[in-house]
């Protein structure tokens, strides 16, 4: 049985570990220097960092379980604007990850629908996100939900730039 719920501080360890594993599954092959990947994880997916983010009222996290096993998570950052979006009433889909073994269950779609509903309920006008330009699977997923490309940004891991595309959806 699959359950999705908003995450709490008690979920920090699960989310930190899921973040490391799912990022490796989706992006690990692209990272040139593996030491940079470890440093990236220590910076963005440490348990203390995730606890801080879970405590921040400007973030909403969800966690996904399948038969009590944590298998995915998402993070929505509130009141985050992008210079290419004309109004200042936007939020950012920061992360949406499901373990590869469970993607066939279409849980990402369920999670995406919850995120879009939350953003709409909070009266945001736009939601935006970034995706690595080589992440074709992820890009197609977001385009299916009406996200359109509006530009790109630099995403630095270690000393290497990994171009990310910026997508926006009007709510």
N, C-alpha and C. Protein backbone atom coordinates (compact mmCIF):
# COMPACT_ATOMS: atom_id res chain seq x y z
N UNK A 1 0.84 -1.18 0.00
CA UNK A 1 0.00 0.00 0.00
C UNK A 1 0.89 1.25 0.00
N UNK A 2 0.57 2.20 -0.85
CA UNK A 2 1.32 3.45 -0.96
C UNK A 2 0.60 4.53 -0.16
N UNK A 3 1.37 5.25 0.66
CA UNK A 3 0.82 6.40 1.38
C UNK A 3 1.74 7.60 1.16
N UNK A 4 1.10 8.75 1.01
CA UNK A 4 1.83 10.01 0.86
C UNK A 4 1.29 10.94 1.93
N UNK A 5 2.19 11.57 2.65
CA UNK A 5 1.77 12.53 3.67
C UNK A 5 2.78 13.66 3.76
N UNK A 6 2.36 14.76 4.36
CA UNK A 6 3.33 15.83 4.61
C UNK A 6 4.34 15.32 5.61
N UNK A 7 5.58 15.67 5.38
CA UNK A 7 6.68 15.19 6.22
C UNK A 7 6.78 16.02 7.49
N UNK A 8 7.35 15.41 8.51
CA UNK A 8 7.61 16.07 9.79
C UNK A 8 9.10 15.96 10.11
N UNK A 9 9.51 16.59 11.19
CA UNK A 9 10.92 16.53 11.60
C UNK A 9 11.41 15.09 11.78
N UNK A 10 10.52 14.21 12.22
CA UNK A 10 10.90 12.82 12.43
C UNK A 10 11.29 12.12 11.12
N UNK A 11 10.94 12.70 9.99
CA UNK A 11 11.25 12.11 8.69
C UNK A 11 12.60 12.56 8.13
N UNK A 12 13.33 13.38 8.86
CA UNK A 12 14.57 13.96 8.33
C UNK A 12 15.59 12.91 7.90
N UNK A 13 15.77 11.87 8.69
CA UNK A 13 16.74 10.84 8.35
C UNK A 13 16.34 10.14 7.05
N UNK A 14 15.05 9.80 6.94
CA UNK A 14 14.58 9.14 5.71
C UNK A 14 14.77 10.03 4.50
N UNK A 15 14.43 11.32 4.62
CA UNK A 15 14.53 12.23 3.48
C UNK A 15 16.00 12.45 3.10
N UNK A 16 16.87 12.59 4.08
CA UNK A 16 18.30 12.77 3.78
C UNK A 16 18.84 11.57 3.00
N UNK A 17 18.50 10.39 3.45
CA UNK A 17 18.98 9.19 2.76
C UNK A 17 18.32 9.06 1.38
N UNK A 18 17.01 9.27 1.30
CA UNK A 18 16.32 9.22 0.01
C UNK A 18 16.91 10.23 -0.97
N UNK A 19 17.23 11.42 -0.46
CA UNK A 19 17.81 12.45 -1.32
C UNK A 19 19.11 11.99 -1.95
N UNK A 20 19.96 11.38 -1.16
CA UNK A 20 21.24 10.89 -1.67
C UNK A 20 21.05 9.77 -2.70
N UNK A 21 20.20 8.82 -2.38
CA UNK A 21 20.02 7.66 -3.27
C UNK A 21 19.31 8.08 -4.56
N UNK A 22 18.23 8.83 -4.44
CA UNK A 22 17.47 9.20 -5.65
C UNK A 22 18.26 10.16 -6.53
N UNK A 23 19.04 11.05 -5.92
CA UNK A 23 19.87 11.95 -6.74
C UNK A 23 20.93 11.15 -7.49
N UNK A 24 21.51 10.16 -6.82
CA UNK A 24 22.48 9.31 -7.49
C UNK A 24 21.82 8.55 -8.65
N UNK A 25 20.62 8.05 -8.42
CA UNK A 25 19.91 7.32 -9.47
C UNK A 25 19.62 8.21 -10.68
N UNK A 26 19.23 9.44 -10.42
CA UNK A 26 18.81 10.32 -11.53
C UNK A 26 19.94 11.15 -12.12
N UNK A 27 20.96 11.49 -11.33
CA UNK A 27 22.00 12.41 -11.79
C UNK A 27 23.43 11.93 -11.61
N UNK A 28 23.61 10.88 -10.85
CA UNK A 28 24.96 10.43 -10.49
C UNK A 28 25.87 10.15 -11.66
N UNK A 29 25.32 9.61 -12.74
CA UNK A 29 26.15 9.32 -13.91
C UNK A 29 26.68 10.58 -14.59
N UNK A 30 26.02 11.70 -14.38
CA UNK A 30 26.42 12.95 -15.04
C UNK A 30 27.54 13.68 -14.29
N UNK A 31 27.66 13.44 -13.00
CA UNK A 31 28.64 14.16 -12.20
C UNK A 31 30.04 13.62 -12.51
N UNK A 32 30.90 14.51 -12.96
CA UNK A 32 32.23 14.12 -13.42
C UNK A 32 33.10 13.64 -12.26
N UNK A 33 33.19 14.43 -11.22
CA UNK A 33 34.04 14.11 -10.07
C UNK A 33 33.18 13.54 -8.94
N UNK A 34 33.36 12.29 -8.61
CA UNK A 34 32.54 11.63 -7.59
C UNK A 34 32.77 12.23 -6.20
N UNK A 35 33.97 12.79 -5.95
CA UNK A 35 34.20 13.45 -4.66
C UNK A 35 33.29 14.67 -4.53
N UNK A 36 33.01 15.34 -5.66
CA UNK A 36 32.11 16.49 -5.65
C UNK A 36 30.70 16.07 -5.28
N UNK A 37 30.31 14.88 -5.72
CA UNK A 37 28.98 14.37 -5.40
C UNK A 37 28.85 14.14 -3.90
N UNK A 38 29.87 13.58 -3.28
CA UNK A 38 29.83 13.36 -1.84
C UNK A 38 29.75 14.70 -1.10
N UNK A 39 30.51 15.68 -1.54
CA UNK A 39 30.45 17.00 -0.91
C UNK A 39 29.08 17.64 -1.10
N UNK A 40 28.50 17.46 -2.27
CA UNK A 40 27.14 17.95 -2.55
C UNK A 40 26.15 17.32 -1.56
N UNK A 41 26.25 16.02 -1.37
CA UNK A 41 25.36 15.34 -0.43
C UNK A 41 25.56 15.84 0.99
N UNK A 42 26.82 16.02 1.39
CA UNK A 42 27.09 16.49 2.74
C UNK A 42 26.56 17.90 2.96
N UNK A 43 26.48 18.68 1.89
CA UNK A 43 25.96 20.04 1.99
C UNK A 43 24.44 20.07 1.96
N UNK A 44 23.83 19.36 1.02
CA UNK A 44 22.39 19.50 0.78
C UNK A 44 21.54 18.37 1.33
N UNK A 45 22.12 17.24 1.64
CA UNK A 45 21.35 16.11 2.12
C UNK A 45 21.87 15.56 3.45
N UNK A 46 22.46 16.43 4.26
CA UNK A 46 22.80 15.99 5.62
C UNK A 46 21.50 15.99 6.44
N UNK A 47 21.47 15.19 7.46
CA UNK A 47 20.27 15.12 8.31
C UNK A 47 20.00 16.49 8.93
N UNK A 48 21.04 17.17 9.38
CA UNK A 48 20.83 18.49 10.01
C UNK A 48 20.29 19.51 9.00
N UNK A 49 20.78 19.48 7.77
CA UNK A 49 20.27 20.39 6.73
C UNK A 49 18.79 20.11 6.46
N UNK A 50 18.43 18.85 6.33
CA UNK A 50 17.03 18.50 6.08
C UNK A 50 16.16 18.89 7.28
N UNK A 51 16.66 18.70 8.49
CA UNK A 51 15.90 19.14 9.68
C UNK A 51 15.65 20.65 9.63
N UNK A 52 16.69 21.40 9.27
CA UNK A 52 16.53 22.86 9.17
C UNK A 52 15.47 23.21 8.12
N UNK A 53 15.50 22.54 6.98
CA UNK A 53 14.54 22.81 5.93
C UNK A 53 13.12 22.41 6.34
N UNK A 54 13.00 21.30 7.05
CA UNK A 54 11.69 20.87 7.54
C UNK A 54 11.13 21.85 8.58
N UNK A 55 12.01 22.49 9.32
CA UNK A 55 11.59 23.46 10.34
C UNK A 55 11.21 24.81 9.76
N UNK A 56 11.64 25.07 8.57
CA UNK A 56 11.39 26.36 7.91
C UNK A 56 9.96 26.38 7.36
N UNK A 57 9.15 27.32 7.83
CA UNK A 57 7.74 27.43 7.42
C UNK A 57 7.59 27.79 5.95
N UNK A 58 8.68 28.16 5.29
CA UNK A 58 8.63 28.48 3.86
C UNK A 58 8.82 27.25 2.99
N UNK A 59 8.89 26.07 3.62
CA UNK A 59 9.03 24.82 2.89
C UNK A 59 7.91 23.87 3.28
N UNK A 60 7.45 23.11 2.30
CA UNK A 60 6.51 22.02 2.54
C UNK A 60 7.13 20.77 1.94
N UNK A 61 7.25 19.73 2.75
CA UNK A 61 7.79 18.45 2.30
C UNK A 61 6.69 17.39 2.34
N UNK A 62 6.78 16.47 1.42
CA UNK A 62 5.96 15.26 1.45
C UNK A 62 6.90 14.07 1.45
N UNK A 63 6.45 12.99 2.05
CA UNK A 63 7.20 11.74 2.01
C UNK A 63 6.26 10.63 1.58
N UNK A 64 6.81 9.69 0.82
CA UNK A 64 6.04 8.60 0.25
C UNK A 64 6.53 7.29 0.83
N UNK A 65 5.57 6.44 1.22
CA UNK A 65 5.89 5.11 1.75
C UNK A 65 5.17 4.05 0.93
N UNK A 66 5.81 2.93 0.76
CA UNK A 66 5.18 1.75 0.18
C UNK A 66 5.37 0.63 1.20
N UNK A 67 4.26 0.17 1.76
CA UNK A 67 4.31 -0.85 2.82
C UNK A 67 5.32 -0.48 3.90
N UNK A 68 5.24 0.77 4.35
CA UNK A 68 6.06 1.34 5.43
C UNK A 68 7.49 1.65 5.04
N UNK A 69 7.90 1.33 3.83
CA UNK A 69 9.25 1.62 3.36
C UNK A 69 9.26 3.00 2.71
N UNK A 70 10.14 3.93 3.16
CA UNK A 70 10.19 5.24 2.51
C UNK A 70 10.78 5.11 1.11
N UNK A 71 10.03 5.63 0.11
CA UNK A 71 10.44 5.43 -1.28
C UNK A 71 10.54 6.72 -2.09
N UNK A 72 10.15 7.84 -1.51
CA UNK A 72 10.23 9.08 -2.27
C UNK A 72 9.87 10.28 -1.42
N UNK A 73 10.12 11.46 -1.98
CA UNK A 73 9.80 12.70 -1.27
C UNK A 73 9.73 13.85 -2.25
N UNK A 74 9.17 14.94 -1.78
CA UNK A 74 9.11 16.17 -2.57
C UNK A 74 9.24 17.36 -1.62
N UNK A 75 9.71 18.47 -2.20
CA UNK A 75 9.86 19.71 -1.43
C UNK A 75 9.34 20.87 -2.28
N UNK A 76 8.44 21.65 -1.70
CA UNK A 76 7.92 22.87 -2.31
C UNK A 76 8.42 24.05 -1.48
N UNK A 77 9.11 24.98 -2.13
CA UNK A 77 9.59 26.18 -1.45
C UNK A 77 8.64 27.33 -1.76
N UNK A 78 8.11 27.94 -0.72
CA UNK A 78 7.10 28.99 -0.87
C UNK A 78 7.75 30.35 -1.06
N UNK A 79 7.06 31.21 -1.80
CA UNK A 79 7.50 32.60 -1.98
C UNK A 79 8.91 32.71 -2.54
N UNK A 80 9.19 31.91 -3.54
CA UNK A 80 10.48 31.95 -4.24
C UNK A 80 10.21 32.41 -5.66
N UNK A 81 10.73 33.56 -5.99
CA UNK A 81 10.48 34.14 -7.31
C UNK A 81 11.67 33.93 -8.22
N UNK A 82 11.40 34.01 -9.52
CA UNK A 82 12.45 33.90 -10.52
C UNK A 82 12.41 35.17 -11.37
N UNK A 83 13.56 35.73 -11.73
CA UNK A 83 13.58 37.01 -12.46
C UNK A 83 12.85 36.98 -13.81
N UNK A 84 12.70 35.81 -14.41
CA UNK A 84 12.03 35.74 -15.71
C UNK A 84 10.51 35.58 -15.58
N UNK A 85 10.03 35.46 -14.35
CA UNK A 85 8.58 35.37 -14.11
C UNK A 85 8.11 36.76 -13.70
N UNK A 86 7.15 37.31 -14.44
CA UNK A 86 6.78 38.72 -14.30
C UNK A 86 6.21 39.09 -12.93
N UNK A 87 5.37 38.26 -12.34
CA UNK A 87 4.82 38.64 -11.03
C UNK A 87 5.67 38.04 -9.91
N UNK A 88 5.42 38.50 -8.71
CA UNK A 88 6.21 38.05 -7.56
C UNK A 88 5.39 37.16 -6.63
N UNK A 89 4.53 36.34 -7.20
CA UNK A 89 3.71 35.44 -6.39
C UNK A 89 3.94 34.01 -6.86
N UNK A 90 5.17 33.53 -6.65
CA UNK A 90 5.56 32.22 -7.16
C UNK A 90 6.11 31.34 -6.05
N UNK A 91 6.05 30.04 -6.32
CA UNK A 91 6.69 29.05 -5.46
C UNK A 91 7.55 28.17 -6.36
N UNK A 92 8.44 27.41 -5.74
CA UNK A 92 9.36 26.59 -6.52
C UNK A 92 9.25 25.13 -6.10
N UNK A 93 9.04 24.28 -7.07
CA UNK A 93 9.13 22.85 -6.84
C UNK A 93 10.61 22.54 -6.78
N UNK A 94 11.11 22.37 -5.57
CA UNK A 94 12.53 22.23 -5.34
C UNK A 94 13.02 20.82 -5.63
N UNK A 95 12.22 19.83 -5.21
CA UNK A 95 12.63 18.43 -5.38
C UNK A 95 11.40 17.55 -5.51
N UNK A 96 11.53 16.54 -6.35
CA UNK A 96 10.52 15.49 -6.47
C UNK A 96 11.26 14.24 -6.91
N UNK A 97 11.42 13.30 -6.01
CA UNK A 97 12.21 12.10 -6.28
C UNK A 97 11.49 10.85 -5.78
N UNK A 98 11.50 9.83 -6.61
CA UNK A 98 10.99 8.50 -6.27
C UNK A 98 12.10 7.51 -6.59
N UNK A 99 12.33 6.55 -5.71
CA UNK A 99 13.32 5.51 -5.99
C UNK A 99 12.97 4.82 -7.32
N UNK A 100 13.98 4.55 -8.13
CA UNK A 100 13.78 3.95 -9.45
C UNK A 100 12.92 2.69 -9.42
N UNK A 101 13.11 1.86 -8.42
CA UNK A 101 12.36 0.61 -8.33
C UNK A 101 10.85 0.82 -8.23
N UNK A 102 10.41 2.03 -7.90
CA UNK A 102 8.99 2.29 -7.67
C UNK A 102 8.37 3.24 -8.68
N UNK A 103 9.12 3.68 -9.68
CA UNK A 103 8.57 4.65 -10.63
C UNK A 103 7.42 4.08 -11.46
N UNK A 104 7.41 2.79 -11.69
CA UNK A 104 6.33 2.18 -12.47
C UNK A 104 4.97 2.31 -11.79
N UNK A 105 4.96 2.59 -10.49
CA UNK A 105 3.69 2.74 -9.76
C UNK A 105 3.03 4.10 -10.01
N UNK A 106 3.70 4.98 -10.75
CA UNK A 106 3.16 6.31 -11.09
C UNK A 106 2.92 7.17 -9.85
N UNK A 107 3.73 6.95 -8.83
CA UNK A 107 3.63 7.73 -7.59
C UNK A 107 4.03 9.18 -7.83
N UNK A 108 4.96 9.40 -8.76
CA UNK A 108 5.37 10.76 -9.08
C UNK A 108 4.19 11.61 -9.51
N UNK A 109 3.27 11.02 -10.24
CA UNK A 109 2.08 11.75 -10.68
C UNK A 109 1.18 12.10 -9.50
N UNK A 110 1.02 11.17 -8.58
CA UNK A 110 0.22 11.45 -7.38
C UNK A 110 0.85 12.58 -6.58
N UNK A 111 2.15 12.52 -6.43
CA UNK A 111 2.89 13.53 -5.67
C UNK A 111 2.80 14.88 -6.38
N UNK A 112 2.97 14.88 -7.69
CA UNK A 112 2.88 16.13 -8.45
C UNK A 112 1.50 16.76 -8.28
N UNK A 113 0.44 15.97 -8.31
CA UNK A 113 -0.91 16.50 -8.14
C UNK A 113 -1.09 17.13 -6.76
N UNK A 114 -0.53 16.52 -5.72
CA UNK A 114 -0.59 17.09 -4.37
C UNK A 114 0.15 18.43 -4.30
N UNK A 115 1.30 18.49 -4.94
CA UNK A 115 2.10 19.72 -4.94
C UNK A 115 1.35 20.84 -5.65
N UNK A 116 0.81 20.55 -6.82
CA UNK A 116 0.07 21.57 -7.57
C UNK A 116 -1.17 22.03 -6.82
N UNK A 117 -1.85 21.10 -6.15
CA UNK A 117 -3.02 21.48 -5.34
C UNK A 117 -2.62 22.39 -4.19
N UNK A 118 -1.53 22.05 -3.51
CA UNK A 118 -1.06 22.87 -2.39
C UNK A 118 -0.70 24.27 -2.87
N UNK A 119 0.02 24.36 -3.99
CA UNK A 119 0.41 25.67 -4.53
C UNK A 119 -0.82 26.48 -4.91
N UNK A 120 -1.82 25.84 -5.48
CA UNK A 120 -3.07 26.52 -5.85
C UNK A 120 -3.82 26.94 -4.60
N UNK A 121 -3.94 26.05 -3.62
CA UNK A 121 -4.63 26.37 -2.37
C UNK A 121 -3.98 27.55 -1.65
N UNK A 122 -2.66 27.68 -1.77
CA UNK A 122 -1.95 28.79 -1.13
C UNK A 122 -1.98 30.06 -1.99
N UNK A 123 -2.70 30.00 -3.10
CA UNK A 123 -2.96 31.17 -3.97
C UNK A 123 -1.72 31.68 -4.70
N UNK A 124 -0.78 30.78 -4.99
CA UNK A 124 0.34 31.18 -5.83
C UNK A 124 -0.13 31.26 -7.27
N UNK A 125 0.45 32.18 -8.02
CA UNK A 125 0.09 32.35 -9.43
C UNK A 125 0.92 31.47 -10.34
N UNK A 126 2.15 31.16 -9.92
CA UNK A 126 3.06 30.35 -10.73
C UNK A 126 3.83 29.39 -9.84
N UNK A 127 4.22 28.30 -10.46
CA UNK A 127 5.15 27.38 -9.83
C UNK A 127 6.26 27.14 -10.85
N UNK A 128 7.49 27.13 -10.37
CA UNK A 128 8.62 26.93 -11.28
C UNK A 128 9.57 25.89 -10.72
N UNK A 129 10.47 25.44 -11.58
CA UNK A 129 11.43 24.41 -11.19
C UNK A 129 12.61 24.45 -12.15
N UNK A 130 13.64 23.72 -11.79
CA UNK A 130 14.78 23.55 -12.69
C UNK A 130 15.00 22.06 -12.89
N UNK A 131 15.53 21.72 -14.06
CA UNK A 131 15.83 20.33 -14.39
C UNK A 131 17.10 20.30 -15.23
N UNK A 132 17.98 19.37 -14.93
CA UNK A 132 19.20 19.21 -15.70
C UNK A 132 18.82 18.93 -17.15
N UNK A 133 19.46 19.61 -18.08
CA UNK A 133 19.06 19.52 -19.48
C UNK A 133 19.17 18.11 -20.06
N UNK A 134 19.99 17.25 -19.47
CA UNK A 134 20.11 15.87 -19.94
C UNK A 134 19.08 14.93 -19.29
N UNK A 135 18.32 15.44 -18.33
CA UNK A 135 17.32 14.63 -17.62
C UNK A 135 16.02 14.62 -18.44
N UNK A 136 16.06 13.95 -19.57
CA UNK A 136 14.94 13.93 -20.51
C UNK A 136 13.68 13.35 -19.88
N UNK A 137 13.83 12.31 -19.10
CA UNK A 137 12.68 11.68 -18.43
C UNK A 137 11.97 12.70 -17.52
N UNK A 138 12.75 13.40 -16.71
CA UNK A 138 12.19 14.41 -15.82
C UNK A 138 11.55 15.56 -16.58
N UNK A 139 12.21 16.02 -17.63
CA UNK A 139 11.68 17.13 -18.43
C UNK A 139 10.34 16.75 -19.06
N UNK A 140 10.25 15.55 -19.61
CA UNK A 140 8.99 15.09 -20.21
C UNK A 140 7.89 15.00 -19.16
N UNK A 141 8.25 14.55 -17.97
CA UNK A 141 7.28 14.46 -16.87
C UNK A 141 6.70 15.84 -16.57
N UNK A 142 7.56 16.85 -16.42
CA UNK A 142 7.08 18.19 -16.09
C UNK A 142 6.30 18.81 -17.25
N UNK A 143 6.73 18.57 -18.47
CA UNK A 143 6.00 19.10 -19.62
C UNK A 143 4.60 18.51 -19.69
N UNK A 144 4.46 17.26 -19.29
CA UNK A 144 3.14 16.61 -19.26
C UNK A 144 2.17 17.38 -18.35
N UNK A 145 2.71 18.04 -17.35
CA UNK A 145 1.90 18.81 -16.41
C UNK A 145 1.79 20.29 -16.78
N UNK A 146 2.22 20.64 -17.97
CA UNK A 146 2.04 22.00 -18.45
C UNK A 146 3.16 22.97 -18.12
N UNK A 147 4.29 22.47 -17.66
CA UNK A 147 5.44 23.34 -17.42
C UNK A 147 6.10 23.67 -18.75
N UNK A 148 6.46 24.94 -18.94
CA UNK A 148 7.12 25.36 -20.18
C UNK A 148 8.48 25.97 -19.84
N UNK A 149 9.42 25.76 -20.74
CA UNK A 149 10.79 26.24 -20.54
C UNK A 149 10.86 27.74 -20.73
N UNK A 150 11.57 28.41 -19.80
CA UNK A 150 11.73 29.88 -19.91
C UNK A 150 13.18 30.32 -19.86
N UNK A 151 14.11 29.40 -19.77
CA UNK A 151 15.52 29.79 -19.72
C UNK A 151 16.37 28.72 -19.09
N UNK A 152 17.55 29.12 -18.63
CA UNK A 152 18.45 28.17 -18.00
C UNK A 152 19.22 28.87 -16.88
N UNK A 153 19.80 28.06 -16.01
CA UNK A 153 20.64 28.57 -14.93
C UNK A 153 21.87 27.68 -14.82
N UNK A 154 22.88 28.20 -14.17
CA UNK A 154 24.07 27.41 -13.86
C UNK A 154 23.82 26.68 -12.55
N UNK A 155 24.20 25.42 -12.51
CA UNK A 155 24.11 24.62 -11.30
C UNK A 155 25.49 24.01 -11.10
N UNK A 156 26.17 24.47 -10.09
CA UNK A 156 27.56 24.10 -9.87
C UNK A 156 27.64 22.97 -8.84
N UNK A 157 28.33 21.90 -9.21
CA UNK A 157 28.67 20.83 -8.27
C UNK A 157 30.18 20.73 -8.32
N UNK A 158 30.81 21.01 -7.18
CA UNK A 158 32.27 21.08 -7.16
C UNK A 158 32.68 22.30 -7.97
N UNK A 159 33.46 22.07 -9.01
CA UNK A 159 33.87 23.17 -9.88
C UNK A 159 33.28 23.04 -11.28
N UNK A 160 32.32 22.12 -11.43
CA UNK A 160 31.73 21.87 -12.74
C UNK A 160 30.33 22.46 -12.82
N UNK A 161 30.05 23.13 -13.94
CA UNK A 161 28.72 23.68 -14.18
C UNK A 161 27.87 22.65 -14.92
N UNK A 162 26.68 22.42 -14.40
CA UNK A 162 25.71 21.53 -15.04
C UNK A 162 24.49 22.39 -15.37
N UNK A 163 24.34 22.71 -16.65
CA UNK A 163 23.26 23.60 -17.07
C UNK A 163 21.90 22.99 -16.73
N UNK A 164 21.09 23.77 -16.03
CA UNK A 164 19.72 23.37 -15.70
C UNK A 164 18.76 24.26 -16.46
N UNK A 165 17.71 23.67 -16.97
CA UNK A 165 16.66 24.42 -17.64
C UNK A 165 15.65 24.87 -16.59
N UNK A 166 15.05 26.03 -16.81
CA UNK A 166 14.04 26.58 -15.91
C UNK A 166 12.69 26.41 -16.58
N UNK A 167 11.72 25.89 -15.83
CA UNK A 167 10.36 25.67 -16.32
C UNK A 167 9.38 26.37 -15.40
N UNK A 168 8.28 26.86 -15.96
CA UNK A 168 7.25 27.51 -15.17
C UNK A 168 5.88 27.01 -15.60
N UNK A 169 4.96 27.03 -14.66
CA UNK A 169 3.56 26.69 -14.94
C UNK A 169 2.69 27.73 -14.26
N UNK A 170 1.77 28.28 -15.01
CA UNK A 170 0.78 29.21 -14.45
C UNK A 170 -0.28 28.39 -13.73
N UNK A 171 -0.61 28.79 -12.52
CA UNK A 171 -1.60 28.06 -11.73
C UNK A 171 -2.98 28.69 -11.86
